[in-house]
Amino acid sequence: MKYRNLFMASATIAMGFAATASAQEASTVAFLMPDQASTRYEQHDFPGFKAEMQKLCASCTVVYQNANGDASLQQQQFNSVIAQGAKVVVLDPVDSAAAAAFVEIAQSQGVKVIAYDRPIPAKPADYYVSFDNEGIGYAIAKSLVQHLKAAGVADGSGILEINGSPTDAAAGLIRDGIHRGLKESAYKTLAEFDTPEWAPPKAQEWAAGQITRFGADIKGVVAANDGTGGGAIAAFKAAGVKPVPPVTGNDATIAALQLIISGDQYNTISKPSEIVAAAAANVAVQMLKGQTPAPKTTLYNTPSELFIPAVVTAENIKAEIFDKKIQTPEQICTGEYAEGCKKLGITN
């Protein structure tokens, strides 16, 4: 009888493992991104997530949706993937405040939510994976300040600040980091702007107005990402300002890297989205297995993993971007940028 009971117990455990494995193999995971203003989601985030999911759970179904900056559309997409039976939703919210309701709905149905890139402060998700957004803001501001100081720009000179979307909690963290970096400097903020939907044309329009308002008093621009930074650069060029004051960025987009090579943008942040995407996939698969992923830190009462990015300028673009094979010269050093690549040692 003792052996029979032991056999039955072992069989029950084995069935439990089989059920867990079966549930994992049959699972649907949703990857919901916020907008198409940045090319990163289609070019880096989703491919990175899908590739890692393929390695970890080849038979899992991955559903990708992009809300194109529309919070209402993202809500529809969220409801749709829940209805499709998604067990884990990786969510980069259009509106961080509105996303609190998404988390509540999902958790009431036993669905796990991984906040991705942008946190959800009002309602803790099951996990949060991102680069350190406040650290990004601080790093780009500090880098610009050091550059201005080294260039001999006088204390008390003016800087413009272009933040990200007011509905994006990550943009708020970047803004906080920028404020901290500028507060530590001897420079003053002439004006700042929260860019709706991170839209470069809106950043450009605002920057154009500030150029008219402040003119040569603008000695630099801290822009929260490459899109808003590119908008500012376009505004200076349209106004005939030469040279363009140093402008920051974030995301290391192809366009921004080319602007750094040409001397029109001062810095960006290299944060290969594939790193965060792969981490999110690993957390998702752990959740599918019924495991609780161990947090590296906590943010907004949410277990989190935050990666540290690198600041990229013309001085280290070869080492950070090309030597690490994040981009290739064939992708970047085309047309008018070929000569700049030679000067920086990227190409021969």
Protein backbone atom coordinates (compact mmCIF):
# COMPACT_ATOMS: atom_id res chain seq x y z
CA MET A 1 0.00 0.00 0.00
CA LYS A 2 2.86 2.35 0.89
CA TYR A 3 4.40 1.91 -2.59
CA ARG A 4 1.01 2.27 -4.24
CA ASN A 5 0.43 5.61 -2.43
CA LEU A 6 3.93 6.75 -3.36
CA PHE A 7 3.29 5.83 -7.00
CA MET A 8 -0.01 7.73 -7.01
CA ALA A 9 1.62 10.78 -5.44
CA SER A 10 4.42 10.68 -7.99
CA ALA A 11 1.91 10.31 -10.79
CA THR A 12 -0.06 13.29 -9.47
CA ILE A 13 3.11 15.43 -9.37
CA ALA A 14 4.04 14.33 -12.87
CA MET A 15 0.56 15.19 -14.11
CA GLY A 16 0.92 18.61 -12.49
CA PHE A 17 4.20 19.21 -14.28
CA ALA A 18 2.69 18.02 -17.54
CA ALA A 19 -0.30 20.32 -17.10
CA THR A 20 2.01 23.27 -16.41
CA ALA A 21 4.16 22.47 -19.44
CA SER A 22 1.06 22.01 -21.57
CA ALA A 23 -0.38 25.32 -20.42
CA GLN A 24 2.90 27.03 -21.22
CA GLU A 25 3.14 25.47 -24.67
CA ALA A 26 -0.42 26.43 -25.54
CA SER A 27 -0.14 29.96 -24.19
CA THR A 28 -0.69 33.27 -25.95
CA VAL A 29 1.47 36.25 -25.02
CA ALA A 30 0.56 39.76 -26.19
CA PHE A 31 3.08 42.51 -26.96
CA LEU A 32 1.28 45.87 -27.03
CA MET A 33 3.31 48.93 -28.06
CA PRO A 34 2.24 52.59 -27.88
CA ASP A 35 3.05 54.45 -31.08
CA GLN A 36 4.72 54.63 -34.45
CA ALA A 37 6.28 58.06 -33.94
CA SER A 38 9.45 56.15 -33.12
CA THR A 39 10.66 53.43 -35.47
CA ARG A 40 12.10 51.39 -32.61
CA TYR A 41 9.03 49.26 -31.90
CA GLU A 42 8.84 47.69 -35.36
CA GLN A 43 12.59 47.62 -35.98
CA HIS A 44 13.92 46.53 -32.59
CA ASP A 45 11.50 45.89 -29.71
CA PHE A 46 9.08 43.47 -31.34
CA PRO A 47 11.71 41.56 -33.35
CA GLY A 48 13.79 41.20 -30.17
CA PHE A 49 10.82 40.01 -28.13
CA LYS A 50 9.64 37.57 -30.80
CA ALA A 51 13.11 36.10 -31.27
CA GLU A 52 13.56 35.47 -27.54
CA MET A 53 10.07 33.99 -27.22
CA GLN A 54 10.86 31.65 -30.12
CA LYS A 55 13.93 30.41 -28.22
CA LEU A 56 12.15 30.01 -24.89
CA CYS A 57 8.72 28.81 -25.99
CA ALA A 58 8.63 27.95 -29.67
CA SER A 59 4.99 26.89 -29.63
CA CYS A 60 3.72 29.95 -27.78
CA THR A 61 1.63 32.38 -29.80
CA VAL A 62 2.87 35.99 -29.78
CA VAL A 63 0.33 38.68 -30.70
CA TYR A 64 1.70 42.11 -31.61
CA GLN A 65 -0.35 45.32 -31.70
CA ASN A 66 0.67 48.98 -31.97
CA ALA A 67 -1.79 51.66 -30.83
CA ASN A 68 -0.29 54.46 -32.97
CA GLY A 69 -0.55 56.95 -30.12
CA ASP A 70 -4.27 56.32 -29.55
CA ALA A 71 -5.15 55.39 -25.95
CA SER A 72 -8.67 54.32 -26.91
CA LEU A 73 -7.30 52.05 -29.62
CA GLN A 74 -4.87 50.54 -27.15
CA GLN A 75 -7.74 49.78 -24.79
CA GLN A 76 -9.53 47.96 -27.62
CA GLN A 77 -6.36 46.03 -28.42
CA PHE A 78 -5.90 45.13 -24.76
CA ASN A 79 -9.47 43.86 -24.45
CA SER A 80 -9.03 41.92 -27.68
CA VAL A 81 -5.92 40.03 -26.59
CA ILE A 82 -7.53 39.20 -23.25
CA ALA A 83 -10.52 37.80 -25.18
CA GLN A 84 -8.08 35.81 -27.33
CA GLY A 85 -6.83 34.10 -24.18
CA ALA A 86 -3.53 35.90 -23.59
CA LYS A 87 -1.99 34.69 -20.32
CA VAL A 88 0.65 37.45 -20.21
CA VAL A 89 0.41 40.95 -21.67
CA VAL A 90 3.57 43.00 -22.20
CA LEU A 91 2.26 46.57 -22.19
CA ASP A 92 3.99 49.80 -23.18
CA PRO A 93 1.12 52.20 -22.45
CA VAL A 94 0.07 55.18 -24.53
CA ASP A 95 -1.39 56.70 -21.37
CA SER A 96 0.25 55.49 -18.16
CA ALA A 97 -2.64 56.67 -15.98
CA ALA A 98 -5.31 55.01 -18.11
CA ALA A 99 -3.29 51.78 -18.14
CA ALA A 100 -4.00 51.30 -14.43
CA ALA A 101 -7.48 50.12 -15.39
CA PHE A 102 -5.95 47.62 -17.84
CA VAL A 103 -3.86 46.09 -15.07
CA GLU A 104 -6.86 45.80 -12.79
CA ILE A 105 -8.94 44.08 -15.48
CA ALA A 106 -6.15 41.65 -16.34
CA GLN A 107 -5.30 40.73 -12.79
CA SER A 108 -8.98 40.12 -11.96
CA GLN A 109 -8.91 37.45 -14.68
CA GLY A 110 -5.62 35.89 -13.68
CA VAL A 111 -3.70 37.51 -16.55
CA LYS A 112 -0.20 38.80 -15.81
CA VAL A 113 0.88 42.26 -16.97
CA ILE A 114 4.49 43.24 -17.62
CA ALA A 115 4.85 47.02 -17.84
CA TYR A 116 7.38 47.67 -20.60
CA ASP A 117 9.54 50.79 -21.02
CA ARG A 118 6.87 53.01 -19.45
CA PRO A 119 5.78 52.35 -15.85
CA ILE A 120 2.19 52.30 -14.59
CA PRO A 121 2.42 54.24 -11.30
CA ALA A 122 -1.22 54.11 -10.17
CA LYS A 123 -1.64 50.31 -10.23
CA PRO A 124 1.37 48.01 -9.81
CA ALA A 125 1.83 45.65 -12.72
CA ASP A 126 3.18 42.18 -12.05
CA TYR A 127 6.61 43.26 -13.28
CA TYR A 128 8.31 46.25 -14.93
CA VAL A 129 11.17 46.02 -17.44
CA SER A 130 12.91 49.09 -18.82
CA PHE A 131 16.04 51.11 -19.10
CA ASP A 132 16.55 53.54 -16.21
CA ASN A 133 14.52 56.45 -17.55
CA GLU A 134 15.38 58.97 -14.86
CA GLY A 135 19.01 58.00 -15.32
CA ILE A 136 18.64 58.66 -19.06
CA GLY A 137 17.35 62.18 -18.47
CA TYR A 138 20.12 62.92 -16.01
CA ALA A 139 22.80 61.50 -18.31
CA ILE A 140 21.84 63.48 -21.41
CA ALA A 141 21.50 66.72 -19.44
CA LYS A 142 24.79 66.18 -17.61
CA SER A 143 26.54 65.36 -20.88
CA LEU A 144 25.26 68.57 -22.49
CA VAL A 145 26.21 70.68 -19.48
CA GLN A 146 29.75 69.29 -19.47
CA HIS A 147 30.03 69.96 -23.21
CA LEU A 148 28.86 73.57 -22.85
CA LYS A 149 31.25 74.15 -19.96
CA ALA A 150 34.16 72.69 -21.92
CA ALA A 151 33.24 74.92 -24.87
CA GLY A 152 33.43 77.99 -22.65
CA VAL A 153 29.72 78.81 -22.65
CA ALA A 154 29.23 81.38 -19.89
CA ASP A 155 27.42 80.58 -16.64
CA GLY A 156 23.83 81.81 -16.69
CA SER A 157 23.40 81.03 -20.39
CA GLY A 158 20.06 79.63 -21.54
CA ILE A 159 18.92 76.12 -22.43
CA LEU A 160 15.64 74.88 -23.87
CA GLU A 161 14.08 71.69 -22.51
CA ILE A 162 11.86 69.50 -24.70
CA ASN A 163 10.22 66.70 -22.76
CA GLY A 164 8.23 63.72 -23.96
CA SER A 165 4.52 63.02 -23.86
CA PRO A 166 2.61 64.29 -20.81
CA THR A 167 0.66 61.00 -20.67
CA ASP A 168 3.83 58.88 -20.54
CA ALA A 169 5.15 58.14 -17.04
CA ALA A 170 8.55 57.25 -18.50
CA ALA A 171 8.70 60.72 -20.04
CA GLY A 172 8.04 62.09 -16.57
CA LEU A 173 10.99 60.14 -15.22
CA ILE A 174 13.23 61.39 -18.04
CA ARG A 175 12.05 64.94 -17.30
CA ASP A 176 12.89 64.49 -13.60
CA GLY A 177 16.38 63.36 -14.55
CA ILE A 178 16.83 66.33 -16.87
CA HIS A 179 15.71 68.70 -14.13
CA ARG A 180 18.23 67.18 -11.73
CA GLY A 181 21.04 67.45 -14.26
CA LEU A 182 20.27 71.07 -15.13
CA LYS A 183 19.76 72.06 -11.50
CA GLU A 184 23.32 70.97 -10.78
CA SER A 185 24.61 73.25 -13.55
CA ALA A 186 25.24 76.98 -13.78
CA TYR A 187 22.86 77.32 -16.75
CA LYS A 188 19.24 78.44 -16.74
CA THR A 189 16.22 76.88 -18.42
CA LEU A 190 14.66 79.44 -20.75
CA ALA A 191 11.50 77.40 -21.37
CA GLU A 192 10.33 73.80 -21.42
CA PHE A 193 7.66 71.87 -23.29
CA ASP A 194 5.88 68.54 -22.90
CA THR A 195 5.54 67.13 -26.42
CA PRO A 196 2.11 65.56 -27.06
CA GLU A 197 2.52 61.95 -28.27
CA TRP A 198 6.29 62.55 -28.58
CA ALA A 199 5.47 63.95 -32.04
CA PRO A 200 8.54 65.51 -33.74
CA PRO A 201 6.45 68.06 -35.71
CA LYS A 202 5.01 69.39 -32.44
CA ALA A 203 8.50 69.64 -30.95
CA GLN A 204 9.67 71.44 -34.08
CA GLU A 205 6.77 73.89 -33.97
CA TRP A 206 7.43 74.73 -30.32
CA ALA A 207 11.17 75.08 -30.85
CA ALA A 208 10.56 77.43 -33.78
CA GLY A 209 8.57 79.69 -31.49
CA GLN A 210 11.34 79.72 -28.90
CA ILE A 211 13.96 80.56 -31.53
CA THR A 212 11.88 83.61 -32.45
CA ARG A 213 11.51 84.44 -28.76
CA PHE A 214 15.05 83.92 -27.47
CA GLY A 215 17.26 83.88 -30.58
CA ALA A 216 20.98 83.66 -29.86
CA ASP A 217 20.35 83.32 -26.12
CA ILE A 218 19.69 79.60 -26.74
CA LYS A 219 23.00 77.85 -26.15
CA GLY A 220 21.72 74.27 -26.05
CA VAL A 221 18.64 72.04 -26.09
CA VAL A 222 17.94 69.07 -23.84
CA ALA A 223 15.49 66.96 -25.85
CA ALA A 224 14.11 63.80 -24.29
CA ASN A 225 14.46 61.59 -27.37
CA ASP A 226 15.81 61.60 -30.89
CA GLY A 227 12.46 62.48 -32.45
CA THR A 228 11.98 65.63 -30.38
CA GLY A 229 15.68 66.47 -30.75
CA GLY A 230 15.39 66.06 -34.52
CA GLY A 231 12.38 68.39 -34.46
CA ALA A 232 14.43 71.04 -32.65
CA ILE A 233 17.31 70.67 -35.10
CA ALA A 234 14.91 71.08 -38.02
CA ALA A 235 13.57 74.27 -36.44
CA PHE A 236 17.05 75.77 -36.09
CA LYS A 237 17.91 74.90 -39.68
CA ALA A 238 14.65 76.35 -40.97
CA ALA A 239 15.45 79.56 -39.08
CA GLY A 240 18.90 79.71 -40.70
CA VAL A 241 20.75 79.29 -37.38
CA LYS A 242 24.38 78.26 -37.98
CA PRO A 243 25.81 76.39 -36.29
CA VAL A 244 22.91 74.59 -34.63
CA PRO A 245 23.35 74.72 -30.84
CA PRO A 246 24.12 71.32 -29.28
CA VAL A 247 20.96 69.20 -29.00
CA THR A 248 20.54 65.99 -27.01
CA GLY A 249 18.54 62.88 -27.83
CA ASN A 250 17.76 59.35 -26.72
CA ASP A 251 17.21 56.01 -28.56
CA ALA A 252 20.18 56.01 -30.97
CA THR A 253 17.95 55.98 -34.04
CA ILE A 254 19.58 55.84 -37.46
CA ALA A 255 18.59 59.45 -38.13
CA ALA A 256 20.09 60.62 -34.82
CA LEU A 257 23.33 58.74 -35.36
CA GLN A 258 23.65 60.40 -38.76
CA LEU A 259 22.97 63.81 -37.21
CA ILE A 260 25.72 63.17 -34.66
CA ILE A 261 28.10 62.21 -37.47
CA SER A 262 27.23 65.40 -39.37
CA GLY A 263 27.67 67.51 -36.21
CA ASP A 264 24.03 68.61 -35.97
CA GLN A 265 23.13 66.59 -32.83
CA TYR A 266 25.37 66.41 -29.78
CA ASN A 267 24.37 63.17 -28.06
CA THR A 268 21.92 60.30 -27.87
CA ILE A 269 21.42 57.27 -25.65
CA SER A 270 22.32 53.79 -26.84
CA LYS A 271 19.79 51.44 -25.34
CA PRO A 272 19.40 48.47 -27.67
CA SER A 273 15.71 47.69 -27.29
CA GLU A 274 16.41 44.03 -27.92
CA ILE A 275 17.96 43.83 -24.43
CA VAL A 276 14.78 44.94 -22.69
CA ALA A 277 12.60 42.95 -25.10
CA ALA A 278 14.53 39.75 -24.34
CA ALA A 279 14.26 40.41 -20.60
CA ALA A 280 10.48 40.86 -20.95
CA ALA A 281 10.25 37.57 -22.84
CA ASN A 282 12.17 35.78 -20.08
CA VAL A 283 9.87 37.23 -17.42
CA ALA A 284 6.79 36.27 -19.49
CA VAL A 285 7.91 32.66 -19.82
CA GLN A 286 8.65 32.42 -16.10
CA MET A 287 5.12 33.64 -15.44
CA LEU A 288 3.69 31.08 -17.86
CA LYS A 289 5.48 28.41 -15.82
CA GLY A 290 3.83 29.69 -12.65
CA GLN A 291 7.08 31.14 -11.34
CA THR A 292 7.56 34.52 -9.67
CA PRO A 293 10.44 36.37 -11.35
CA ALA A 294 12.95 37.74 -8.87
CA PRO A 295 13.08 41.56 -9.00
CA LYS A 296 16.37 43.44 -9.33
CA THR A 297 14.77 46.54 -7.81
CA THR A 298 11.34 48.08 -7.17
CA LEU A 299 9.71 51.10 -8.80
CA TYR A 300 6.18 52.33 -8.03
CA ASN A 301 5.73 49.25 -5.80
CA THR A 302 6.36 47.06 -8.86
CA PRO A 303 9.11 44.42 -9.01
CA SER A 304 11.44 45.75 -11.69
CA GLU A 305 14.55 45.30 -13.76
CA LEU A 306 16.15 48.53 -15.02
CA PHE A 307 19.07 48.48 -17.45
CA ILE A 308 21.79 51.14 -17.55
CA PRO A 309 22.26 52.76 -20.99
CA ALA A 310 25.26 54.50 -22.54
CA VAL A 311 25.57 58.13 -23.67
CA VAL A 312 26.80 58.40 -27.26
CA THR A 313 28.58 61.42 -28.76
CA ALA A 314 30.83 61.84 -31.78
CA GLU A 315 33.77 60.96 -29.53
CA ASN A 316 32.57 57.43 -28.72
CA ILE A 317 30.09 56.64 -31.49
CA LYS A 318 32.49 54.23 -33.16
CA ALA A 319 33.11 52.27 -29.94
CA GLU A 320 29.52 52.26 -28.67
CA ILE A 321 27.60 51.76 -31.91
CA PHE A 322 29.82 50.28 -34.60
CA ASP A 323 32.37 48.25 -32.64
CA LYS A 324 29.48 46.70 -30.67
CA LYS A 325 27.69 46.01 -33.96
CA ILE A 326 24.51 47.80 -32.90
CA GLN A 327 24.55 49.40 -36.36
CA THR A 328 26.82 48.92 -39.36
CA PRO A 329 28.62 51.53 -41.50
CA GLU A 330 26.57 50.29 -44.46
CA GLN A 331 23.38 51.36 -42.65
CA ILE A 332 24.62 54.73 -41.42
CA CYS A 333 27.51 56.03 -43.54
CA THR A 334 25.57 56.69 -46.71
CA GLY A 335 25.46 59.73 -49.01
CA GLU A 336 26.24 62.98 -47.24
CA TYR A 337 27.34 61.13 -44.07
CA ALA A 338 30.16 59.18 -45.74
CA GLU A 339 32.76 61.91 -45.22
CA GLY A 340 31.81 62.38 -41.56
CA CYS A 341 32.21 58.64 -40.97
CA LYS A 342 35.74 58.81 -42.36
CA LYS A 343 36.63 61.73 -40.10
CA LEU A 344 35.40 59.81 -37.04
CA GLY A 345 37.29 56.65 -38.02
CA ILE A 346 34.12 54.64 -38.59
CA THR A 347 35.14 53.91 -42.18
CA ASN A 348 38.45 54.10 -43.98
